[in-house]
């Protein structure tokens, strides 16, 4: 199985980073394409992030409260 590295997509309005509000998956989970994986908050809104691919979670990008850069 190929490894896919999820990068926080550009959610518009000149946002450079977003805060992790909640994870809906954990390391070891098997996920489906389009499954909700996290809630991210910008200074404008809270956005649900979905997985663009199906697979197995091998690592999380940070902890709740961490700021994650776009891209």
PDB file of N, CA and C in Angstrom:
ATOM      1  N   UNK A   1       0.850  -1.183   0.000  1.00  0.00           N
ATOM      2  CA  UNK A   1       0.000   0.000   0.000  1.00  0.00           C
ATOM      3  C   UNK A   1       0.889   1.238   0.000  1.00  0.00           C
ATOM      4  N   UNK A   2       0.577   2.172  -0.848  1.00  0.00           N
ATOM      5  CA  UNK A   2       1.343   3.416  -0.930  1.00  0.00           C
ATOM      6  C   UNK A   2       1.027   4.310   0.261  1.00  0.00           C
ATOM      7  N   UNK A   3       1.998   5.098   0.650  1.00  0.00           N
ATOM      8  CA  UNK A   3       1.807   6.037   1.754  1.00  0.00           C
ATOM      9  C   UNK A   3       1.341   7.373   1.179  1.00  0.00           C
ATOM     10  N   UNK A   4       0.305   7.948   1.790  1.00  0.00           N
ATOM     11  CA  UNK A   4      -0.224   9.241   1.369  1.00  0.00           C
ATOM     12  C   UNK A   4      -0.077  10.209   2.532  1.00  0.00           C
ATOM     13  N   UNK A   5       0.595  11.330   2.294  1.00  0.00           N
ATOM     14  CA  UNK A   5       0.751  12.343   3.335  1.00  0.00           C
ATOM     15  C   UNK A   5      -0.296  13.426   3.126  1.00  0.00           C
ATOM     16  N   UNK A   6      -1.236  13.515   4.076  1.00  0.00           N
ATOM     17  CA  UNK A   6      -2.292  14.525   4.010  1.00  0.00           C
ATOM     18  C   UNK A   6      -1.700  15.870   4.388  1.00  0.00           C
ATOM     19  N   UNK A   7      -1.953  16.867   3.575  1.00  0.00           N
ATOM     20  CA  UNK A   7      -1.529  18.237   3.876  1.00  0.00           C
ATOM     21  C   UNK A   7      -2.784  19.089   3.999  1.00  0.00           C
ATOM     22  N   UNK A   8      -2.774  19.980   4.964  1.00  0.00           N
ATOM     23  CA  UNK A   8      -3.920  20.855   5.188  1.00  0.00           C
ATOM     24  C   UNK A   8      -4.156  21.687   3.933  1.00  0.00           C
ATOM     25  N   UNK A   9      -5.325  21.538   3.308  1.00  0.00           N
ATOM     26  CA  UNK A   9      -5.579  22.273   2.062  1.00  0.00           C
ATOM     27  C   UNK A   9      -5.810  23.758   2.305  1.00  0.00           C
ATOM     28  N   UNK A  10      -5.618  24.532   1.254  1.00  0.00           N
ATOM     29  CA  UNK A  10      -5.907  25.968   1.311  1.00  0.00           C
ATOM     30  C   UNK A  10      -7.417  26.128   1.432  1.00  0.00           C
ATOM     31  N   UNK A  11      -7.866  26.662   2.545  1.00  0.00           N
ATOM     32  CA  UNK A  11      -9.304  26.806   2.767  1.00  0.00           C
ATOM     33  C   UNK A  11      -9.784  28.222   2.456  1.00  0.00           C
ATOM     34  N   UNK A  12      -8.935  28.996   1.804  1.00  0.00           N
ATOM     35  CA  UNK A  12      -9.334  30.297   1.287  1.00  0.00           C
ATOM     36  C   UNK A  12      -9.168  31.446   2.259  1.00  0.00           C
ATOM     37  N   UNK A  13      -9.504  32.629   1.776  1.00  0.00           N
ATOM     38  CA  UNK A  13      -9.500  33.869   2.542  1.00  0.00           C
ATOM     39  C   UNK A  13      -8.139  34.231   3.124  1.00  0.00           C
ATOM     40  N   UNK A  14      -7.051  33.785   2.481  1.00  0.00           N
ATOM     41  CA  UNK A  14      -5.715  34.153   2.912  1.00  0.00           C
ATOM     42  C   UNK A  14      -5.272  33.534   4.225  1.00  0.00           C
ATOM     43  N   UNK A  15      -5.898  32.448   4.632  1.00  0.00           N
ATOM     44  CA  UNK A  15      -5.562  31.781   5.890  1.00  0.00           C
ATOM     45  C   UNK A  15      -4.230  31.050   5.727  1.00  0.00           C
ATOM     46  N   UNK A  16      -3.295  31.256   6.663  1.00  0.00           N
ATOM     47  CA  UNK A  16      -1.977  30.626   6.595  1.00  0.00           C
ATOM     48  C   UNK A  16      -1.870  29.397   7.485  1.00  0.00           C
ATOM     49  N   UNK A  17      -2.741  29.289   8.506  1.00  0.00           N
ATOM     50  CA  UNK A  17      -2.694  28.151   9.418  1.00  0.00           C
ATOM     51  C   UNK A  17      -4.061  27.958  10.054  1.00  0.00           C
ATOM     52  N   UNK A  18      -4.231  26.788  10.673  1.00  0.00           N
ATOM     53  CA  UNK A  18      -5.481  26.481  11.364  1.00  0.00           C
ATOM     54  C   UNK A  18      -5.156  25.701  12.630  1.00  0.00           C
ATOM     55  N   UNK A  19      -6.033  25.806  13.618  1.00  0.00           N
ATOM     56  CA  UNK A  19      -5.850  25.109  14.892  1.00  0.00           C
ATOM     57  C   UNK A  19      -6.627  23.800  14.882  1.00  0.00           C
ATOM     58  N   UNK A  20      -5.990  22.730  15.363  1.00  0.00           N
ATOM     59  CA  UNK A  20      -6.688  21.454  15.511  1.00  0.00           C
ATOM     60  C   UNK A  20      -7.658  21.587  16.683  1.00  0.00           C
ATOM     61  N   UNK A  21      -8.951  21.414  16.409  1.00  0.00           N
ATOM     62  CA  UNK A  21      -9.981  21.499  17.444  1.00  0.00           C
ATOM     63  C   UNK A  21     -10.311  20.104  17.969  1.00  0.00           C
ATOM     64  N   UNK A  22     -10.372  19.117  17.061  1.00  0.00           N
ATOM     65  CA  UNK A  22     -10.694  17.742  17.460  1.00  0.00           C
ATOM     66  C   UNK A  22     -10.199  16.771  16.405  1.00  0.00           C
ATOM     67  N   UNK A  23      -9.710  15.632  16.851  1.00  0.00           N
ATOM     68  CA  UNK A  23      -9.399  14.515  15.964  1.00  0.00           C
ATOM     69  C   UNK A  23     -10.567  13.542  16.023  1.00  0.00           C
ATOM     70  N   UNK A  24     -10.958  12.999  14.880  1.00  0.00           N
ATOM     71  CA  UNK A  24     -12.017  11.987  14.820  1.00  0.00           C
ATOM     72  C   UNK A  24     -11.439  10.625  14.465  1.00  0.00           C
ATOM     73  N   UNK A  25     -10.115  10.538  14.392  1.00  0.00           N
ATOM     74  CA  UNK A  25      -9.411   9.282  14.121  1.00  0.00           C
ATOM     75  C   UNK A  25      -8.220   9.192  15.065  1.00  0.00           C
ATOM     76  N   UNK A  26      -7.660   7.991  15.155  1.00  0.00           N
ATOM     77  CA  UNK A  26      -6.432   7.801  15.932  1.00  0.00           C
ATOM     78  C   UNK A  26      -5.496   6.907  15.132  1.00  0.00           C
ATOM     79  N   UNK A  27      -4.235   6.884  15.515  1.00  0.00           N
ATOM     80  CA  UNK A  27      -3.249   6.045  14.837  1.00  0.00           C
ATOM     81  C   UNK A  27      -3.727   4.598  14.889  1.00  0.00           C
ATOM     82  N   UNK A  28      -3.666   3.938  13.743  1.00  0.00           N
ATOM     83  CA  UNK A  28      -4.098   2.551  13.631  1.00  0.00           C
ATOM     84  C   UNK A  28      -5.491   2.386  13.045  1.00  0.00           C
ATOM     85  N   UNK A  29      -6.276   3.465  13.021  1.00  0.00           N
ATOM     86  CA  UNK A  29      -7.629   3.395  12.456  1.00  0.00           C
ATOM     87  C   UNK A  29      -7.572   3.187  10.948  1.00  0.00           C
ATOM     88  N   UNK A  30      -8.508   2.402  10.437  1.00  0.00           N
ATOM     89  CA  UNK A  30      -8.713   2.284   9.004  1.00  0.00           C
ATOM     90  C   UNK A  30      -9.819   3.265   8.639  1.00  0.00           C
ATOM     91  N   UNK A  31      -9.562   4.087   7.633  1.00  0.00           N
ATOM     92  CA  UNK A  31     -10.524   5.129   7.266  1.00  0.00           C
ATOM     93  C   UNK A  31     -10.941   4.988   5.807  1.00  0.00           C
ATOM     94  N   UNK A  32     -12.119   5.523   5.515  1.00  0.00           N
ATOM     95  CA  UNK A  32     -12.662   5.514   4.162  1.00  0.00           C
ATOM     96  C   UNK A  32     -12.407   6.861   3.492  1.00  0.00           C
ATOM     97  N   UNK A  33     -12.401   6.855   2.173  1.00  0.00           N
ATOM     98  CA  UNK A  33     -12.322   8.110   1.431  1.00  0.00           C
ATOM     99  C   UNK A  33     -13.500   8.992   1.837  1.00  0.00           C
ATOM    100  N   UNK A  34     -13.263  10.259   2.021  1.00  0.00           N
ATOM    101  CA  UNK A  34     -14.257  11.268   2.412  1.00  0.00           C
ATOM    102  C   UNK A  34     -14.716  11.154   3.864  1.00  0.00           C
ATOM    103  N   UNK A  35     -14.073  10.297   4.658  1.00  0.00           N
ATOM    104  CA  UNK A  35     -14.416  10.202   6.081  1.00  0.00           C
ATOM    105  C   UNK A  35     -13.883  11.427   6.809  1.00  0.00           C
ATOM    106  N   UNK A  36     -14.663  11.960   7.740  1.00  0.00           N
ATOM    107  CA  UNK A  36     -14.216  13.107   8.530  1.00  0.00           C
ATOM    108  C   UNK A  36     -13.074  12.662   9.435  1.00  0.00           C
ATOM    109  N   UNK A  37     -11.956  13.406   9.385  1.00  0.00           N
ATOM    110  CA  UNK A  37     -10.798  13.036  10.197  1.00  0.00           C
ATOM    111  C   UNK A  37     -10.487  14.046  11.292  1.00  0.00           C
ATOM    112  N   UNK A  38     -10.859  15.314  11.087  1.00  0.00           N
ATOM    113  CA  UNK A  38     -10.535  16.330  12.092  1.00  0.00           C
ATOM    114  C   UNK A  38     -11.404  17.564  11.906  1.00  0.00           C
ATOM    115  N   UNK A  39     -11.503  18.352  12.973  1.00  0.00           N
ATOM    116  CA  UNK A  39     -12.103  19.682  12.911  1.00  0.00           C
ATOM    117  C   UNK A  39     -10.966  20.683  13.077  1.00  0.00           C
ATOM    118  N   UNK A  40     -10.905  21.652  12.178  1.00  0.00           N
ATOM    119  CA  UNK A  40      -9.873  22.675  12.201  1.00  0.00           C
ATOM    120  C   UNK A  40     -10.534  24.039  12.329  1.00  0.00           C
ATOM    121  N   UNK A  41      -9.946  24.916  13.147  1.00  0.00           N
ATOM    122  CA  UNK A  41     -10.513  26.246  13.346  1.00  0.00           C
ATOM    123  C   UNK A  41      -9.544  27.307  12.836  1.00  0.00           C
ATOM    124  N   UNK A  42     -10.080  28.211  12.023  1.00  0.00           N
ATOM    125  CA  UNK A  42      -9.323  29.379  11.578  1.00  0.00           C
ATOM    126  C   UNK A  42      -9.894  30.582  12.320  1.00  0.00           C
ATOM    127  N   UNK A  43      -9.379  31.760  12.018  1.00  0.00           N
ATOM    128  CA  UNK A  43      -9.944  32.947  12.649  1.00  0.00           C
ATOM    129  C   UNK A  43     -11.307  33.300  12.050  1.00  0.00           C
ATOM    130  N   UNK A  44     -11.723  32.578  11.013  1.00  0.00           N
ATOM    131  CA  UNK A  44     -13.005  32.838  10.350  1.00  0.00           C
ATOM    132  C   UNK A  44     -14.080  31.798  10.677  1.00  0.00           C
ATOM    133  N   UNK A  45     -13.702  30.508  10.803  1.00  0.00           N
ATOM    134  CA  UNK A  45     -14.701  29.446  10.959  1.00  0.00           C
ATOM    135  C   UNK A  45     -14.044  28.143  11.401  1.00  0.00           C
ATOM    136  N   UNK A  46     -14.873  27.209  11.837  1.00  0.00           N
ATOM    137  CA  UNK A  46     -14.424  25.846  12.096  1.00  0.00           C
ATOM    138  C   UNK A  46     -14.797  25.011  10.878  1.00  0.00           C
ATOM    139  N   UNK A  47     -13.830  24.229  10.385  1.00  0.00           N
ATOM    140  CA  UNK A  47     -13.991  23.479   9.148  1.00  0.00           C
ATOM    141  C   UNK A  47     -13.763  21.999   9.425  1.00  0.00           C
ATOM    142  N   UNK A  48     -14.613  21.141   8.849  1.00  0.00           N
ATOM    143  CA  UNK A  48     -14.431  19.698   8.947  1.00  0.00           C
ATOM    144  C   UNK A  48     -13.473  19.254   7.845  1.00  0.00           C
ATOM    145  N   UNK A  49     -12.424  18.542   8.210  1.00  0.00           N
ATOM    146  CA  UNK A  49     -11.476  18.011   7.238  1.00  0.00           C
ATOM    147  C   UNK A  49     -11.833  16.557   6.952  1.00  0.00           C
ATOM    148  N   UNK A  50     -11.844  16.201   5.670  1.00  0.00           N
ATOM    149  CA  UNK A  50     -12.144  14.843   5.254  1.00  0.00           C
ATOM    150  C   UNK A  50     -10.933  14.246   4.554  1.00  0.00           C
ATOM    151  N   UNK A  51     -10.804  12.927   4.652  1.00  0.00           N
ATOM    152  CA  UNK A  51      -9.695  12.240   4.006  1.00  0.00           C
ATOM    153  C   UNK A  51      -9.943  12.138   2.503  1.00  0.00           C
ATOM    154  N   UNK A  52      -8.961  12.507   1.686  1.00  0.00           N
ATOM    155  CA  UNK A  52      -9.122  12.376   0.239  1.00  0.00           C
ATOM    156  C   UNK A  52      -8.910  10.940  -0.255  1.00  0.00           C
ATOM    157  N   UNK A  53      -8.410  10.058   0.621  1.00  0.00           N
ATOM    158  CA  UNK A  53      -8.132   8.670   0.248  1.00  0.00           C
ATOM    159  C   UNK A  53      -8.554   7.729   1.378  1.00  0.00           C
ATOM    160  N   UNK A  54      -8.753   6.464   1.033  1.00  0.00           N
ATOM    161  CA  UNK A  54      -8.981   5.425   2.034  1.00  0.00           C
ATOM    162  C   UNK A  54      -7.625   4.880   2.460  1.00  0.00           C
ATOM    163  N   UNK A  55      -7.534   4.388   3.688  1.00  0.00           N
ATOM    164  CA  UNK A  55      -6.272   3.810   4.139  1.00  0.00           C
ATOM    165  C   UNK A  55      -6.227   3.640   5.636  1.00  0.00           C
ATOM    166  N   UNK A  56      -5.013   3.560   6.156  1.00  0.00           N
ATOM    167  CA  UNK A  56      -4.779   3.366   7.583  1.00  0.00           C
ATOM    168  C   UNK A  56      -4.000   4.563   8.114  1.00  0.00           C
ATOM    169  N   UNK A  57      -4.428   5.099   9.250  1.00  0.00           N
ATOM    170  CA  UNK A  57      -3.752   6.241   9.868  1.00  0.00           C
ATOM    171  C   UNK A  57      -2.467   5.741  10.530  1.00  0.00           C
ATOM    172  N   UNK A  58      -1.320   6.294  10.122  1.00  0.00           N
ATOM    173  CA  UNK A  58      -0.035   5.891  10.700  1.00  0.00           C
ATOM    174  C   UNK A  58       0.577   6.976  11.574  1.00  0.00           C
ATOM    175  N   UNK A  59       0.073   8.215  11.454  1.00  0.00           N
ATOM    176  CA  UNK A  59       0.608   9.325  12.247  1.00  0.00           C
ATOM    177  C   UNK A  59      -0.394  10.473  12.229  1.00  0.00           C
ATOM    178  N   UNK A  60      -0.489  11.207  13.349  1.00  0.00           N
ATOM    179  CA  UNK A  60      -1.293  12.424  13.402  1.00  0.00           C
ATOM    180  C   UNK A  60      -0.352  13.622  13.347  1.00  0.00           C
ATOM    181  N   UNK A  61      -0.806  14.710  12.756  1.00  0.00           N
ATOM    182  CA  UNK A  61       0.043  15.881  12.517  1.00  0.00           C
ATOM    183  C   UNK A  61       0.283  16.741  13.748  1.00  0.00           C
ATOM    184  N   UNK A  62      -0.452  16.508  14.809  1.00  0.00           N
ATOM    185  CA  UNK A  62      -0.290  17.315  16.010  1.00  0.00           C
ATOM    186  C   UNK A  62      -1.356  16.976  17.027  1.00  0.00           C
ATOM    187  N   UNK A  63      -1.352  17.738  18.105  1.00  0.00           N
ATOM    188  CA  UNK A  63      -2.312  17.552  19.190  1.00  0.00           C
ATOM    189  C   UNK A  63      -3.397  18.619  19.100  1.00  0.00           C
ATOM    190  N   UNK A  64      -4.524  18.349  19.745  1.00  0.00           N
ATOM    191  CA  UNK A  64      -5.583  19.350  19.831  1.00  0.00           C
ATOM    192  C   UNK A  64      -4.987  20.629  20.424  1.00  0.00           C
ATOM    193  N   UNK A  65      -5.263  21.749  19.779  1.00  0.00           N
ATOM    194  CA  UNK A  65      -4.720  23.040  20.201  1.00  0.00           C
ATOM    195  C   UNK A  65      -3.513  23.487  19.401  1.00  0.00           C
ATOM    196  N   UNK A  66      -2.866  22.566  18.677  1.00  0.00           N
ATOM    197  CA  UNK A  66      -1.708  22.920  17.851  1.00  0.00           C
ATOM    198  C   UNK A  66      -2.148  23.706  16.619  1.00  0.00           C
ATOM    199  N   UNK A  67      -1.296  24.629  16.176  1.00  0.00           N
ATOM    200  CA  UNK A  67      -1.495  25.375  14.938  1.00  0.00           C
ATOM    201  C   UNK A  67      -0.765  24.631  13.819  1.00  0.00           C
ATOM    202  N   UNK A  68      -1.477  24.339  12.728  1.00  0.00           N
ATOM    203  CA  UNK A  68      -0.913  23.600  11.603  1.00  0.00           C
ATOM    204  C   UNK A  68      -0.887  24.526  10.383  1.00  0.00           C
ATOM    205  N   UNK A  69       0.261  24.639   9.706  1.00  0.00           N
ATOM    206  CA  UNK A  69       0.324  25.503   8.519  1.00  0.00           C
ATOM    207  C   UNK A  69      -0.412  24.891   7.323  1.00  0.00           C
ATOM    208  N   UNK A  70      -0.923  25.737   6.461  1.00  0.00           N
ATOM    209  CA  UNK A  70      -1.550  25.287   5.219  1.00  0.00           C
ATOM    210  C   UNK A  70      -0.468  24.690   4.329  1.00  0.00           C
ATOM    211  N   UNK A  71      -0.796  23.574   3.675  1.00  0.00           N
ATOM    212  CA  UNK A  71       0.135  22.928   2.754  1.00  0.00           C
ATOM    213  C   UNK A  71       1.125  22.115   3.472  1.00  0.00           C
TER     214      UNK A  71
END
